[in-house]
C-alpha atoms as a PDB file:
ATOM      1  CA  MET A   1     -59.581  58.658   0.156  1.00  0.00           C
ATOM      2  CA  ALA A   2     -63.054  59.376   1.370  1.00  0.00           C
ATOM      3  CA  LYS A   3     -63.529  61.358   4.442  1.00  0.00           C
ATOM      4  CA  GLU A   4     -65.274  59.803   7.338  1.00  0.00           C
ATOM      5  CA  THR A   5     -68.305  61.792   8.412  1.00  0.00           C
ATOM      6  CA  GLU A   6     -70.288  61.228  11.503  1.00  0.00           C
ATOM      7  CA  LEU A   7     -73.861  60.910  11.170  1.00  0.00           C
ATOM      8  CA  ALA A   8     -75.982  62.539  13.795  1.00  0.00           C
ATOM      9  CA  PRO A   9     -78.784  60.361  15.221  1.00  0.00           C
ATOM     10  CA  ALA A  10     -82.155  61.251  13.884  1.00  0.00           C
ATOM     11  CA  PRO A  11     -84.081  63.282  16.428  1.00  0.00           C
ATOM     12  CA  ILE A  12     -86.632  61.354  18.375  1.00  0.00           C
ATOM     13  CA  SER A  13     -89.960  62.885  19.510  1.00  0.00           C
ATOM     14  CA  MET A  14     -90.918  62.681  23.185  1.00  0.00           C
ATOM     15  CA  GLU A  15     -93.910  60.498  22.162  1.00  0.00           C
ATOM     16  CA  GLU A  16     -91.434  58.004  20.615  1.00  0.00           C
ATOM     17  CA  VAL A  17     -89.210  57.885  23.802  1.00  0.00           C
ATOM     18  CA  GLN A  18     -92.392  57.371  25.893  1.00  0.00           C
ATOM     19  CA  LYS A  19     -93.439  54.453  23.630  1.00  0.00           C
ATOM     20  CA  GLN A  20     -90.007  52.773  23.984  1.00  0.00           C
ATOM     21  CA  ILE A  21     -90.159  53.226  27.823  1.00  0.00           C
ATOM     22  CA  ASP A  22     -93.626  51.673  27.999  1.00  0.00           C
ATOM     23  CA  ALA A  23     -92.557  48.704  25.858  1.00  0.00           C
ATOM     24  CA  MET A  24     -89.576  48.087  28.087  1.00  0.00           C
ATOM     25  CA  LEU A  25     -91.813  48.372  31.177  1.00  0.00           C
ATOM     26  CA  LEU A  26     -94.258  45.919  29.785  1.00  0.00           C
ATOM     27  CA  GLU A  27     -91.555  43.413  28.915  1.00  0.00           C
ATOM     28  CA  ALA A  28     -90.142  43.842  32.499  1.00  0.00           C
ATOM     29  CA  GLU A  29     -93.526  43.230  34.021  1.00  0.00           C
ATOM     30  CA  LYS A  30     -94.103  40.096  32.084  1.00  0.00           C
ATOM     31  CA  LYS A  31     -90.717  38.740  33.171  1.00  0.00           C
ATOM     32  CA  ALA A  32     -91.484  39.615  36.736  1.00  0.00           C
ATOM     33  CA  GLN A  33     -94.820  37.769  36.602  1.00  0.00           C
ATOM     34  CA  GLU A  34     -93.152  34.795  35.117  1.00  0.00           C
ATOM     35  CA  ILE A  35     -90.690  34.760  38.060  1.00  0.00           C
ATOM     36  CA  VAL A  36     -93.334  35.140  40.536  1.00  0.00           C
ATOM     37  CA  ARG A  37     -95.416  32.304  38.865  1.00  0.00           C
ATOM     38  CA  LYS A  38     -92.401  29.982  38.993  1.00  0.00           C
ATOM     39  CA  ALA A  39     -91.717  30.771  42.569  1.00  0.00           C
ATOM     40  CA  GLY A  40     -95.274  29.931  43.432  1.00  0.00           C
ATOM     41  CA  GLU A  41     -94.926  26.609  41.818  1.00  0.00           C
ATOM     42  CA  THR A  42     -91.804  25.602  43.811  1.00  0.00           C
ATOM     43  CA  ALA A  43     -92.980  27.095  47.131  1.00  0.00           C
ATOM     44  CA  PRO A  44     -95.172  23.950  48.093  1.00  0.00           C
ATOM     45  CA  ALA A  45     -92.151  21.598  47.275  1.00  0.00           C
ATOM     46  CA  ALA A  46     -89.909  23.877  49.523  1.00  0.00           C
ATOM     47  CA  LYS A  47     -92.429  23.614  52.337  1.00  0.00           C
ATOM     48  CA  THR A  48     -92.608  19.827  51.985  1.00  0.00           C
ATOM     49  CA  VAL A  49     -88.816  19.542  52.138  1.00  0.00           C
ATOM     50  CA  SER A  50     -88.755  21.885  55.187  1.00  0.00           C
ATOM     51  CA  LYS A  51     -91.315  19.676  56.963  1.00  0.00           C
ATOM     52  CA  GLU A  52     -89.190  16.489  56.218  1.00  0.00           C
ATOM     53  CA  ILE A  53     -86.079  18.218  57.409  1.00  0.00           C
ATOM     54  CA  GLN A  54     -87.906  19.299  60.675  1.00  0.00           C
ATOM     55  CA  LYS A  55     -89.206  15.837  61.067  1.00  0.00           C
ATOM     56  CA  ARG A  56     -85.805  14.264  60.695  1.00  0.00           C
ATOM     57  CA  GLU A  57     -84.227  16.787  63.062  1.00  0.00           C
ATOM     58  CA  LYS A  58     -86.859  15.818  65.672  1.00  0.00           C
ATOM     59  CA  GLU A  59     -86.100  12.079  65.135  1.00  0.00           C
ATOM     60  CA  LEU A  60     -82.329  12.770  65.547  1.00  0.00           C
ATOM     61  CA  GLN A  61     -82.956  14.444  68.831  1.00  0.00           C
ATOM     62  CA  GLU A  62     -84.840  11.529  70.276  1.00  0.00           C
ATOM     63  CA  PRO A  63     -83.194   9.697  73.075  1.00  0.00           C
ATOM     64  CA  VAL A  64     -81.987   6.104  72.394  1.00  0.00           C
ATOM     65  CA  THR A  65     -80.173   3.536  74.592  1.00  0.00           C
ATOM     66  CA  VAL A  66     -76.751   2.474  73.629  1.00  0.00           C
ATOM     67  CA  LYS A  67     -74.269  -0.034  75.317  1.00  0.00           C
ATOM     68  CA  LEU A  68     -70.826   0.004  74.061  1.00  0.00           C
ATOM     69  CA  PHE A  69     -68.541  -3.022  74.221  1.00  0.00           C
ATOM     70  CA  LYS A  70     -66.173  -3.180  76.923  1.00  0.00           C
ATOM     71  CA  ASP A  71     -63.260  -5.442  77.612  1.00  0.00           C
ATOM     72  CA  ASN A  72     -60.111  -5.094  79.867  1.00  0.00           C
ATOM     73  CA  LYS A  73     -57.711  -4.367  77.012  1.00  0.00           C
ATOM     74  CA  ASN A  74     -58.395  -2.091  74.008  1.00  0.00           C
ATOM     75  CA  TYR A  75     -61.944  -1.294  74.804  1.00  0.00           C
ATOM     76  CA  LYS A  76     -62.046  -0.277  78.347  1.00  0.00           C
ATOM     77  CA  ASP A  77     -61.963   3.684  78.272  1.00  0.00           C
ATOM     78  CA  ASP A  78     -64.926   5.968  77.835  1.00  0.00           C
ATOM     79  CA  VAL A  79     -65.807   7.029  74.349  1.00  0.00           C
ATOM     80  CA  PHE A  80     -65.775  10.867  73.585  1.00  0.00           C
ATOM     81  CA  VAL A  81     -68.301  11.965  70.852  1.00  0.00           C
ATOM     82  CA  ALA A  82     -68.585  15.548  69.788  1.00  0.00           C
ATOM     83  CA  VAL A  83     -71.179  16.794  67.225  1.00  0.00           C
ATOM     84  CA  ASN A  84     -71.676  20.374  66.338  1.00  0.00           C
ATOM     85  CA  GLY A  85     -70.178  21.637  69.483  1.00  0.00           C
ATOM     86  CA  ARG A  86     -72.083  19.227  71.804  1.00  0.00           C
ATOM     87  CA  THR A  87     -69.845  16.789  73.480  1.00  0.00           C
ATOM     88  CA  PHE A  88     -70.670  13.404  75.137  1.00  0.00           C
ATOM     89  CA  GLN A  89     -68.489  11.039  77.235  1.00  0.00           C
ATOM     90  CA  ILE A  90     -70.013   7.552  77.034  1.00  0.00           C
ATOM     91  CA  LYS A  91     -69.026   4.900  79.597  1.00  0.00           C
ATOM     92  CA  ARG A  92     -68.489   1.493  78.183  1.00  0.00           C
ATOM     93  CA  GLY A  93     -70.433  -1.610  79.339  1.00  0.00           C
ATOM     94  CA  VAL A  94     -73.301   0.482  80.800  1.00  0.00           C
ATOM     95  CA  GLU A  95     -76.561   1.202  79.135  1.00  0.00           C
ATOM     96  CA  VAL A  96     -76.912   5.009  78.583  1.00  0.00           C
ATOM     97  CA  GLN A  97     -79.361   7.349  76.970  1.00  0.00           C
ATOM     98  CA  VAL A  98     -77.932   9.539  74.239  1.00  0.00           C
ATOM     99  CA  PRO A  99     -79.635  11.522  71.240  1.00  0.00           C
ATOM    100  CA  ARG A 100     -80.140   9.406  68.117  1.00  0.00           C
ATOM    101  CA  TYR A 101     -77.552  11.450  66.211  1.00  0.00           C
ATOM    102  CA  VAL A 102     -74.933  10.381  68.625  1.00  0.00           C
ATOM    103  CA  LYS A 103     -75.797   6.736  68.141  1.00  0.00           C
ATOM    104  CA  GLU A 104     -75.523   7.365  64.369  1.00  0.00           C
ATOM    105  CA  VAL A 105     -72.072   8.825  64.868  1.00  0.00           C
ATOM    106  CA  LEU A 106     -71.040   5.681  66.916  1.00  0.00           C
ATOM    107  CA  ASP A 107     -72.583   3.311  64.202  1.00  0.00           C
ATOM    108  CA  HIS A 108     -70.800   5.237  61.408  1.00  0.00           C
ATOM    109  CA  SER A 109     -67.505   4.859  63.467  1.00  0.00           C
ATOM    110  CA  VAL A 110     -68.050   1.039  63.802  1.00  0.00           C
ATOM    111  CA  GLN A 111     -68.693   0.843  60.008  1.00  0.00           C
ATOM    112  CA  GLN A 112     -65.597   2.773  59.180  1.00  0.00           C
ATOM    113  CA  ASP A 113     -63.593   0.501  61.524  1.00  0.00           C
ATOM    114  CA  GLU A 114     -64.967  -2.581  59.716  1.00  0.00           C
ATOM    115  CA  ALA A 115     -64.191  -1.186  56.348  1.00  0.00           C
ATOM    116  CA  THR A 116     -60.650  -0.325  57.405  1.00  0.00           C
ATOM    117  CA  ALA A 117     -60.123  -3.718  58.814  1.00  0.00           C
ATOM    118  CA  ALA A 118     -61.265  -5.282  55.581  1.00  0.00           C
ATOM    119  CA  PHE A 119     -58.997  -3.035  53.524  1.00  0.00           C
ATOM    120  CA  ILE A 120     -55.959  -3.964  55.791  1.00  0.00           C
ATOM    121  CA  GLU A 121     -56.718  -7.524  55.479  1.00  0.00           C
ATOM    122  CA  SER A 122     -56.976  -7.381  51.631  1.00  0.00           C
ATOM    123  CA  LYS A 123     -53.563  -5.569  51.612  1.00  0.00           C
ATOM    124  CA  GLU A 124     -51.990  -8.189  53.758  1.00  0.00           C
ATOM    125  CA  ARG A 125     -53.271 -11.076  51.522  1.00  0.00           C
ATOM    126  CA  GLU A 126     -51.922  -9.015  48.589  1.00  0.00           C
ATOM    127  CA  TYR A 127     -48.617  -8.654  50.093  1.00  0.00           C
ATOM    128  CA  GLU A 128     -48.416 -12.263  50.845  1.00  0.00           C
ATOM    129  CA  ARG A 129     -49.166 -13.219  47.295  1.00  0.00           C
ATOM    130  CA  GLU A 130     -46.632 -10.868  45.978  1.00  0.00           C
ATOM    131  CA  SER A 131     -43.883 -11.816  48.463  1.00  0.00           C
ATOM    132  CA  LYS A 132     -44.290 -15.525  47.363  1.00  0.00           C
ATOM    133  CA  LYS A 133     -43.124 -14.546  43.949  1.00  0.00           C
ATOM    134  CA  TYR A 134     -39.642 -13.643  45.328  1.00  0.00           C
ATOM    135  CA  GLN A 135     -38.998 -16.794  47.540  1.00  0.00           C
END
């Protein structure tokens, strides 16, 4: 069986090491320039998005008038709304000023109530159809 022999790496001159280092630095510099170029292309888009977000946040802070439905049964108590640590207690049957984002929360709540009622109604009809099969 042949003996394994280790080959010693060929000696490299300092000039050759310096050439390799220079080549690596040049390649790294090209990559860095490409990253900076791409960042410069996306910066205006990011500024536009930032401005749009600021505009939307300003709109959400604008005061709007709401008047919540009131009866003497289920809808007689005040409504409590909390958004990001800010709380609001809204009296029913009275026009009040609230930030637009509070109105949006109230609108979404109504939408969810309507969707829930529609779902319950569909399940009731389904149950009626199914129960008639067993009569």
